[in-house]
N, C-alpha and C. Protein backbone atom coordinates (compact mmCIF):
# COMPACT_ATOMS: atom_id res chain seq x y z
N MET A 1 46.75 121.64 143.26
CA MET A 1 45.75 122.70 143.26
C MET A 1 45.34 123.00 141.82
N ASN A 2 44.11 123.48 141.66
CA ASN A 2 43.62 123.83 140.33
C ASN A 2 43.93 125.30 140.07
N VAL A 3 44.53 125.57 138.92
CA VAL A 3 44.90 126.93 138.53
C VAL A 3 44.28 127.21 137.18
N SER A 4 43.73 128.41 137.03
CA SER A 4 43.10 128.80 135.78
C SER A 4 43.44 130.26 135.49
N MET A 5 43.78 130.53 134.26
CA MET A 5 44.09 131.90 133.84
C MET A 5 43.86 132.01 132.35
N LYS A 6 43.79 133.24 131.88
CA LYS A 6 43.73 133.47 130.43
C LYS A 6 45.15 133.73 129.96
N ILE A 7 45.57 132.97 128.97
CA ILE A 7 46.88 133.18 128.37
C ILE A 7 46.63 133.57 126.92
N ASN A 8 46.99 134.78 126.57
CA ASN A 8 46.76 135.31 125.22
C ASN A 8 45.28 135.20 124.84
N GLY A 9 44.40 135.44 125.81
CA GLY A 9 42.97 135.42 125.57
C GLY A 9 42.31 134.06 125.63
N ARG A 10 43.09 133.00 125.84
CA ARG A 10 42.56 131.64 125.89
C ARG A 10 42.63 131.13 127.32
N LYS A 11 41.51 130.61 127.82
CA LYS A 11 41.49 130.09 129.19
C LYS A 11 42.28 128.79 129.25
N VAL A 12 43.19 128.73 130.21
CA VAL A 12 44.00 127.54 130.45
C VAL A 12 43.84 127.16 131.91
N SER A 13 43.41 125.94 132.16
CA SER A 13 43.22 125.43 133.51
C SER A 13 43.94 124.11 133.64
N ALA A 14 44.49 123.87 134.82
CA ALA A 14 45.16 122.59 135.06
C ALA A 14 45.35 122.38 136.55
N GLU A 15 45.45 121.15 136.93
CA GLU A 15 45.80 120.76 138.29
C GLU A 15 47.33 120.74 138.33
N VAL A 16 47.92 121.52 139.22
CA VAL A 16 49.37 121.62 139.31
C VAL A 16 49.81 121.56 140.76
N GLU A 17 51.07 121.27 140.96
CA GLU A 17 51.65 121.34 142.30
C GLU A 17 51.71 122.81 142.71
N SER A 18 51.60 123.08 143.99
CA SER A 18 51.59 124.46 144.47
C SER A 18 52.89 125.19 144.16
N ARG A 19 53.98 124.47 143.96
CA ARG A 19 55.28 125.10 143.68
C ARG A 19 55.53 125.35 142.20
N THR A 20 54.55 125.03 141.34
CA THR A 20 54.72 125.22 139.90
C THR A 20 54.89 126.70 139.57
N LEU A 21 55.92 127.00 138.83
CA LEU A 21 56.17 128.39 138.43
C LEU A 21 55.37 128.74 137.19
N LEU A 22 55.02 130.01 137.06
CA LEU A 22 54.23 130.48 135.93
C LEU A 22 54.91 130.14 134.61
N ALA A 23 56.21 130.28 134.52
CA ALA A 23 56.92 129.98 133.27
C ALA A 23 56.65 128.55 132.81
N TYR A 24 56.68 127.63 133.75
CA TYR A 24 56.46 126.22 133.40
C TYR A 24 54.99 125.95 133.12
N PHE A 25 54.09 126.64 133.81
CA PHE A 25 52.66 126.51 133.53
C PHE A 25 52.39 126.94 132.09
N ILE A 26 52.95 128.08 131.70
CA ILE A 26 52.76 128.59 130.34
C ILE A 26 53.29 127.59 129.32
N ARG A 27 54.47 127.07 129.56
CA ARG A 27 55.11 126.15 128.62
C ARG A 27 54.42 124.78 128.58
N GLU A 28 54.10 124.25 129.75
CA GLU A 28 53.59 122.88 129.82
C GLU A 28 52.07 122.79 129.68
N GLN A 29 51.32 123.63 130.37
CA GLN A 29 49.88 123.58 130.27
C GLN A 29 49.35 124.46 129.14
N GLY A 30 50.02 125.57 128.89
CA GLY A 30 49.60 126.45 127.81
C GLY A 30 50.15 126.06 126.46
N HIS A 31 51.13 125.16 126.45
CA HIS A 31 51.78 124.68 125.21
C HIS A 31 52.34 125.83 124.39
N LEU A 32 52.90 126.82 125.08
CA LEU A 32 53.52 127.98 124.43
C LEU A 32 54.98 128.01 124.85
N THR A 33 55.86 127.89 123.90
CA THR A 33 57.28 127.76 124.22
C THR A 33 58.08 129.03 124.01
N GLY A 34 57.42 130.14 123.72
CA GLY A 34 58.13 131.39 123.54
C GLY A 34 58.69 131.95 124.83
N THR A 35 58.08 131.61 125.95
CA THR A 35 58.57 132.06 127.25
C THR A 35 59.74 131.17 127.62
N HIS A 36 60.93 131.74 127.66
CA HIS A 36 62.14 130.97 127.94
C HIS A 36 62.53 131.09 129.40
N VAL A 37 63.19 130.07 129.89
CA VAL A 37 63.75 130.10 131.24
C VAL A 37 65.26 130.02 131.07
N GLY A 38 65.92 131.10 131.46
CA GLY A 38 67.36 131.16 131.26
C GLY A 38 68.16 130.93 132.52
N CYS A 39 67.62 131.35 133.66
CA CYS A 39 68.45 131.32 134.86
C CYS A 39 67.75 130.72 136.07
N ASP A 40 66.43 130.67 136.08
CA ASP A 40 65.64 130.20 137.23
C ASP A 40 65.86 131.02 138.49
N SER A 41 66.40 132.21 138.36
CA SER A 41 66.63 133.04 139.55
C SER A 41 66.19 134.48 139.35
N SER A 42 65.47 134.77 138.31
CA SER A 42 64.95 136.08 137.93
C SER A 42 66.03 137.10 137.61
N SER A 43 67.19 136.63 137.21
CA SER A 43 68.28 137.54 136.87
C SER A 43 68.33 137.94 135.41
N CYS A 44 67.86 137.07 134.51
CA CYS A 44 68.12 137.31 133.08
C CYS A 44 66.96 137.95 132.32
N GLY A 45 65.72 137.73 132.74
CA GLY A 45 64.59 138.35 132.06
C GLY A 45 64.08 137.62 130.83
N CYS A 46 64.63 136.45 130.51
CA CYS A 46 64.16 135.69 129.34
C CYS A 46 62.70 135.28 129.48
N CYS A 47 62.23 135.22 130.70
CA CYS A 47 60.90 134.69 130.98
C CYS A 47 59.83 135.78 131.16
N VAL A 48 60.14 137.02 130.84
CA VAL A 48 59.17 138.11 131.08
C VAL A 48 57.91 137.90 130.26
N VAL A 49 56.78 137.99 130.96
CA VAL A 49 55.45 137.99 130.35
C VAL A 49 54.69 139.16 130.97
N LEU A 50 53.54 139.46 130.43
CA LEU A 50 52.71 140.51 131.02
C LEU A 50 51.58 139.86 131.80
N MET A 51 51.43 140.24 133.05
CA MET A 51 50.32 139.77 133.87
C MET A 51 49.45 140.99 134.14
N ASP A 52 48.25 140.95 133.58
CA ASP A 52 47.34 142.09 133.65
C ASP A 52 48.04 143.36 133.16
N GLY A 53 48.86 143.21 132.13
CA GLY A 53 49.54 144.34 131.51
C GLY A 53 50.85 144.76 132.14
N HIS A 54 51.23 144.13 133.24
CA HIS A 54 52.46 144.48 133.93
C HIS A 54 53.52 143.41 133.72
N PRO A 55 54.75 143.80 133.45
CA PRO A 55 55.79 142.79 133.23
C PRO A 55 56.15 142.05 134.52
N VAL A 56 56.24 140.74 134.41
CA VAL A 56 56.68 139.91 135.53
C VAL A 56 57.67 138.88 135.00
N LYS A 57 58.60 138.52 135.84
CA LYS A 57 59.52 137.44 135.51
C LYS A 57 58.85 136.15 135.93
N SER A 58 58.37 135.42 134.95
CA SER A 58 57.52 134.26 135.22
C SER A 58 58.26 133.10 135.87
N CYS A 59 59.59 133.16 135.94
CA CYS A 59 60.33 132.12 136.65
C CYS A 59 60.34 132.37 138.15
N SER A 60 59.81 133.51 138.57
CA SER A 60 59.79 133.83 140.00
C SER A 60 58.37 134.08 140.51
N VAL A 61 57.37 133.71 139.70
CA VAL A 61 55.97 133.86 140.08
C VAL A 61 55.34 132.47 140.07
N PHE A 62 54.69 132.11 141.16
CA PHE A 62 53.98 130.84 141.18
C PHE A 62 52.76 130.91 140.28
N ALA A 63 52.45 129.81 139.62
CA ALA A 63 51.26 129.75 138.78
C ALA A 63 50.02 130.08 139.61
N ALA A 64 50.00 129.65 140.87
CA ALA A 64 48.86 129.93 141.75
C ALA A 64 48.66 131.43 141.94
N THR A 65 49.74 132.19 141.93
CA THR A 65 49.65 133.65 142.06
C THR A 65 48.96 134.25 140.84
N ALA A 66 49.13 133.62 139.70
CA ALA A 66 48.54 134.12 138.45
C ALA A 66 47.12 133.61 138.24
N ASP A 67 46.62 132.78 139.16
CA ASP A 67 45.27 132.24 139.05
C ASP A 67 44.26 133.39 138.89
N GLY A 68 43.45 133.31 137.85
CA GLY A 68 42.43 134.33 137.60
C GLY A 68 42.91 135.56 136.86
N HIS A 69 44.18 135.62 136.53
CA HIS A 69 44.74 136.79 135.86
C HIS A 69 44.85 136.58 134.35
N ASP A 70 45.09 137.69 133.65
CA ASP A 70 45.33 137.67 132.20
C ASP A 70 46.83 137.71 131.97
N ILE A 71 47.32 136.74 131.22
CA ILE A 71 48.74 136.64 130.91
C ILE A 71 48.91 136.84 129.40
N GLN A 72 49.90 137.63 129.03
CA GLN A 72 50.23 137.77 127.61
C GLN A 72 51.67 137.36 127.42
N THR A 73 51.88 136.50 126.44
CA THR A 73 53.23 136.05 126.09
C THR A 73 53.59 136.60 124.72
N VAL A 74 54.81 136.36 124.31
CA VAL A 74 55.27 136.84 123.01
C VAL A 74 54.39 136.31 121.88
N GLU A 75 53.85 135.11 122.05
CA GLU A 75 52.97 134.56 121.01
C GLU A 75 51.69 135.37 120.86
N GLY A 76 51.28 136.07 121.92
CA GLY A 76 50.06 136.87 121.89
C GLY A 76 50.22 138.25 121.30
N LEU A 77 51.43 138.62 120.94
CA LEU A 77 51.65 139.95 120.36
C LEU A 77 51.14 140.03 118.93
N LYS A 78 51.36 139.00 118.15
CA LYS A 78 50.95 138.98 116.74
C LYS A 78 49.42 138.91 116.69
N GLN A 79 48.80 139.81 115.95
CA GLN A 79 47.34 139.86 115.86
C GLN A 79 46.89 139.81 114.41
N GLY A 80 45.99 138.89 114.12
CA GLY A 80 45.44 138.79 112.76
C GLY A 80 46.51 138.56 111.71
N GLY A 81 47.55 137.82 112.07
CA GLY A 81 48.63 137.54 111.13
C GLY A 81 49.61 138.67 110.95
N VAL A 82 49.43 139.76 111.70
CA VAL A 82 50.31 140.92 111.59
C VAL A 82 51.20 141.00 112.83
N LEU A 83 52.49 141.12 112.60
CA LEU A 83 53.42 141.24 113.71
C LEU A 83 53.16 142.53 114.49
N HIS A 84 53.33 142.45 115.78
CA HIS A 84 53.28 143.65 116.63
C HIS A 84 54.45 144.55 116.22
N PRO A 85 54.32 145.86 116.34
CA PRO A 85 55.42 146.74 115.96
C PRO A 85 56.76 146.39 116.62
N ILE A 86 56.75 145.89 117.85
CA ILE A 86 58.02 145.52 118.49
C ILE A 86 58.61 144.29 117.82
N GLN A 87 57.79 143.35 117.41
CA GLN A 87 58.29 142.16 116.71
C GLN A 87 58.89 142.55 115.35
N GLN A 88 58.20 143.42 114.64
CA GLN A 88 58.70 143.87 113.34
C GLN A 88 60.00 144.65 113.50
N ALA A 89 60.04 145.50 114.52
CA ALA A 89 61.22 146.33 114.75
C ALA A 89 62.44 145.48 115.13
N PHE A 90 62.25 144.45 115.95
CA PHE A 90 63.38 143.58 116.29
C PHE A 90 63.92 142.91 115.03
N THR A 91 63.05 142.57 114.11
CA THR A 91 63.48 141.99 112.83
C THR A 91 64.20 143.05 111.99
N ASP A 92 63.57 144.20 111.82
CA ASP A 92 64.14 145.25 110.97
C ASP A 92 65.49 145.75 111.48
N GLN A 93 65.61 145.89 112.78
CA GLN A 93 66.82 146.48 113.37
C GLN A 93 67.85 145.42 113.80
N HIS A 94 67.58 144.18 113.48
CA HIS A 94 68.50 143.09 113.86
C HIS A 94 68.75 143.11 115.37
N GLY A 95 67.65 143.21 116.13
CA GLY A 95 67.72 143.29 117.58
C GLY A 95 67.83 141.93 118.25
N LEU A 96 68.20 140.94 117.48
CA LEU A 96 68.37 139.61 118.06
C LEU A 96 69.48 138.88 117.33
N GLN A 97 70.10 137.97 118.04
CA GLN A 97 71.06 137.09 117.41
C GLN A 97 70.65 135.66 117.69
N CYS A 98 70.96 135.14 118.87
CA CYS A 98 70.58 133.76 119.15
C CYS A 98 69.08 133.66 119.38
N GLY A 99 68.44 134.73 119.85
CA GLY A 99 67.00 134.76 120.03
C GLY A 99 66.52 134.29 121.39
N TYR A 100 67.41 133.82 122.23
CA TYR A 100 66.95 133.27 123.51
C TYR A 100 66.34 134.34 124.41
N CYS A 101 66.94 135.49 124.47
CA CYS A 101 66.42 136.57 125.34
C CYS A 101 65.29 137.35 124.68
N THR A 102 65.12 137.17 123.38
CA THR A 102 64.22 138.02 122.59
C THR A 102 62.78 138.06 123.09
N PRO A 103 62.14 136.94 123.42
CA PRO A 103 60.76 137.05 123.91
C PRO A 103 60.63 137.92 125.16
N GLY A 104 61.53 137.74 126.10
CA GLY A 104 61.50 138.56 127.31
C GLY A 104 61.79 140.02 127.02
N MET A 105 62.75 140.26 126.13
CA MET A 105 63.07 141.64 125.73
C MET A 105 61.85 142.30 125.07
N MET A 106 61.17 141.55 124.21
CA MET A 106 60.01 142.11 123.53
C MET A 106 58.90 142.43 124.52
N MET A 107 58.65 141.52 125.45
CA MET A 107 57.56 141.76 126.41
C MET A 107 57.90 142.93 127.34
N ALA A 108 59.15 143.01 127.77
CA ALA A 108 59.56 144.15 128.60
C ALA A 108 59.46 145.45 127.79
N SER A 109 59.78 145.39 126.51
CA SER A 109 59.69 146.57 125.65
C SER A 109 58.25 147.02 125.46
N VAL A 110 57.35 146.08 125.26
CA VAL A 110 55.93 146.41 125.11
C VAL A 110 55.43 147.10 126.37
N ALA A 111 55.79 146.55 127.53
CA ALA A 111 55.37 147.17 128.80
C ALA A 111 55.96 148.57 128.93
N LEU A 112 57.21 148.72 128.57
CA LEU A 112 57.86 150.04 128.62
C LEU A 112 57.12 151.03 127.74
N LEU A 113 56.79 150.64 126.52
CA LEU A 113 56.13 151.55 125.59
C LEU A 113 54.69 151.85 126.00
N GLU A 114 54.07 150.95 126.74
CA GLU A 114 52.73 151.24 127.28
C GLU A 114 52.82 152.33 128.34
N ARG A 115 53.87 152.27 129.16
CA ARG A 115 54.08 153.27 130.23
C ARG A 115 54.61 154.57 129.68
N ASN A 116 55.47 154.48 128.67
CA ASN A 116 56.17 155.65 128.15
C ASN A 116 56.25 155.51 126.63
N PRO A 117 55.31 156.08 125.89
CA PRO A 117 55.28 155.89 124.44
C PRO A 117 56.42 156.55 123.67
N ASP A 118 57.16 157.45 124.31
CA ASP A 118 58.26 158.13 123.62
C ASP A 118 59.50 158.16 124.52
N PRO A 119 60.07 157.00 124.81
CA PRO A 119 61.21 156.97 125.73
C PRO A 119 62.50 157.44 125.09
N SER A 120 63.34 158.05 125.90
CA SER A 120 64.69 158.41 125.44
C SER A 120 65.54 157.14 125.41
N GLU A 121 66.72 157.24 124.82
CA GLU A 121 67.62 156.09 124.81
C GLU A 121 67.93 155.65 126.24
N HIS A 122 68.17 156.61 127.11
CA HIS A 122 68.46 156.28 128.52
C HIS A 122 67.27 155.56 129.17
N GLU A 123 66.06 156.04 128.90
CA GLU A 123 64.87 155.41 129.48
C GLU A 123 64.67 154.00 128.94
N ILE A 124 65.00 153.77 127.68
CA ILE A 124 64.91 152.43 127.11
C ILE A 124 65.91 151.51 127.79
N ARG A 125 67.14 151.96 127.88
CA ARG A 125 68.17 151.14 128.52
C ARG A 125 67.82 150.86 129.98
N ASP A 126 67.29 151.85 130.67
CA ASP A 126 66.88 151.66 132.06
C ASP A 126 65.70 150.71 132.13
N GLY A 127 64.74 150.86 131.23
CA GLY A 127 63.55 150.01 131.22
C GLY A 127 63.84 148.56 130.92
N LEU A 128 64.92 148.31 130.21
CA LEU A 128 65.29 146.93 129.85
C LEU A 128 66.43 146.41 130.72
N SER A 129 66.79 147.14 131.76
CA SER A 129 67.95 146.75 132.57
C SER A 129 67.78 145.41 133.28
N GLY A 130 66.58 144.93 133.44
CA GLY A 130 66.36 143.62 134.05
C GLY A 130 66.40 142.47 133.07
N ASN A 131 66.75 142.77 131.82
CA ASN A 131 66.84 141.74 130.78
C ASN A 131 68.26 141.70 130.25
N LEU A 132 68.84 140.52 130.28
CA LEU A 132 70.21 140.35 129.82
C LEU A 132 70.27 139.73 128.44
N CYS A 133 71.18 140.23 127.63
CA CYS A 133 71.46 139.66 126.31
C CYS A 133 72.96 139.44 126.24
N ARG A 134 73.35 138.27 125.86
CA ARG A 134 74.77 137.96 125.79
C ARG A 134 75.32 138.08 124.37
N CYS A 135 74.46 138.40 123.40
CA CYS A 135 74.89 138.38 122.00
C CYS A 135 74.98 139.74 121.33
N THR A 136 73.98 140.62 121.58
CA THR A 136 73.81 141.78 120.69
C THR A 136 74.54 143.04 121.08
N GLY A 137 74.90 143.21 122.32
CA GLY A 137 75.47 144.48 122.74
C GLY A 137 74.41 145.55 122.95
N TYR A 138 73.14 145.22 122.82
CA TYR A 138 71.99 146.07 123.14
C TYR A 138 71.73 147.22 122.16
N ASN A 139 72.69 147.67 121.38
CA ASN A 139 72.46 148.84 120.52
C ASN A 139 71.29 148.62 119.56
N ASN A 140 71.24 147.46 118.92
CA ASN A 140 70.15 147.21 117.98
C ASN A 140 68.82 146.97 118.69
N ILE A 141 68.88 146.49 119.91
CA ILE A 141 67.65 146.34 120.69
C ILE A 141 67.08 147.73 120.99
N VAL A 142 67.93 148.65 121.38
CA VAL A 142 67.48 150.03 121.63
C VAL A 142 66.90 150.62 120.36
N LYS A 143 67.56 150.42 119.22
CA LYS A 143 67.03 150.93 117.94
C LYS A 143 65.67 150.31 117.64
N ALA A 144 65.50 149.04 117.96
CA ALA A 144 64.22 148.37 117.72
C ALA A 144 63.11 149.00 118.56
N VAL A 145 63.41 149.27 119.82
CA VAL A 145 62.40 149.89 120.69
C VAL A 145 62.07 151.29 120.18
N GLN A 146 63.08 152.03 119.73
CA GLN A 146 62.84 153.37 119.18
C GLN A 146 61.96 153.29 117.93
N GLN A 147 62.25 152.33 117.04
CA GLN A 147 61.43 152.16 115.84
C GLN A 147 59.99 151.83 116.22
N ALA A 148 59.81 150.87 117.13
CA ALA A 148 58.47 150.48 117.53
C ALA A 148 57.73 151.66 118.16
N ALA A 149 58.42 152.45 118.96
CA ALA A 149 57.80 153.62 119.59
C ALA A 149 57.27 154.56 118.51
N GLY A 150 58.07 154.80 117.49
CA GLY A 150 57.64 155.68 116.40
C GLY A 150 56.44 155.14 115.65
N VAL A 151 56.46 153.85 115.36
CA VAL A 151 55.35 153.22 114.64
C VAL A 151 54.08 153.26 115.48
N MET A 152 54.22 152.94 116.76
CA MET A 152 53.05 152.92 117.64
C MET A 152 52.49 154.32 117.86
N SER A 153 53.35 155.32 117.97
CA SER A 153 52.90 156.70 118.12
C SER A 153 52.18 157.18 116.88
N ALA A 154 52.72 156.84 115.71
CA ALA A 154 52.08 157.24 114.45
C ALA A 154 50.72 156.57 114.30
N ALA A 155 50.62 155.30 114.70
CA ALA A 155 49.34 154.58 114.62
C ALA A 155 48.33 155.20 115.58
N ALA A 156 48.78 155.56 116.75
CA ALA A 156 47.87 156.17 117.74
C ALA A 156 47.41 157.55 117.26
N ALA A 157 48.29 158.28 116.61
CA ALA A 157 47.94 159.62 116.12
C ALA A 157 46.94 159.55 114.97
N SER A 158 47.01 158.50 114.18
CA SER A 158 46.11 158.39 113.03
C SER A 158 44.83 157.63 113.34
N ALA A 159 44.71 157.07 114.55
CA ALA A 159 43.49 156.35 114.94
C ALA A 159 42.39 157.34 115.20
N PRO A 160 41.15 156.97 114.81
CA PRO A 160 40.03 157.89 115.10
C PRO A 160 39.81 158.01 116.60
N ALA A 161 39.39 159.16 117.03
CA ALA A 161 39.12 159.40 118.44
C ALA A 161 37.99 158.49 118.91
N ALA A 162 38.01 158.13 120.18
CA ALA A 162 37.03 157.20 120.74
C ALA A 162 35.60 157.73 120.64
N ASP A 163 35.42 159.03 120.65
CA ASP A 163 34.07 159.60 120.61
C ASP A 163 33.63 159.97 119.20
N ASP A 164 34.40 159.58 118.18
CA ASP A 164 34.01 159.86 116.78
C ASP A 164 32.94 158.88 116.31
């Protein structure tokens, strides 16, 4: 079947088997390797991407389901050569070690901060509960999300109003 979607703003189309998972479509047809597959059972969250702004575990979504949708991966966070606040915060707060879970953690964090720009520590931990990390112990990941929340809130507060 023919599947077409926008991945990080770029249209990607390909003929794929109906059983092709979104994670593999992104990696193989989109040539983007930031989306990791850790478990193939939607348990670990390494494969989280945003579909129309909502986090999905791309190892459990068929590419055909994403046909016509907008997909954002970790590669799409960086804009104009500038890291997204969550990417910078993961670096600053040492929120990664091996890095395998990091793309999924970042995408889940971005979605969390879109829904809740000022989450408590409990809300962050709850929001990331579908993402597993075997290296960090999560404390620095939580600090990274808190830092990004502060940076994003400050940027939103200093942005000119839409009607200015």
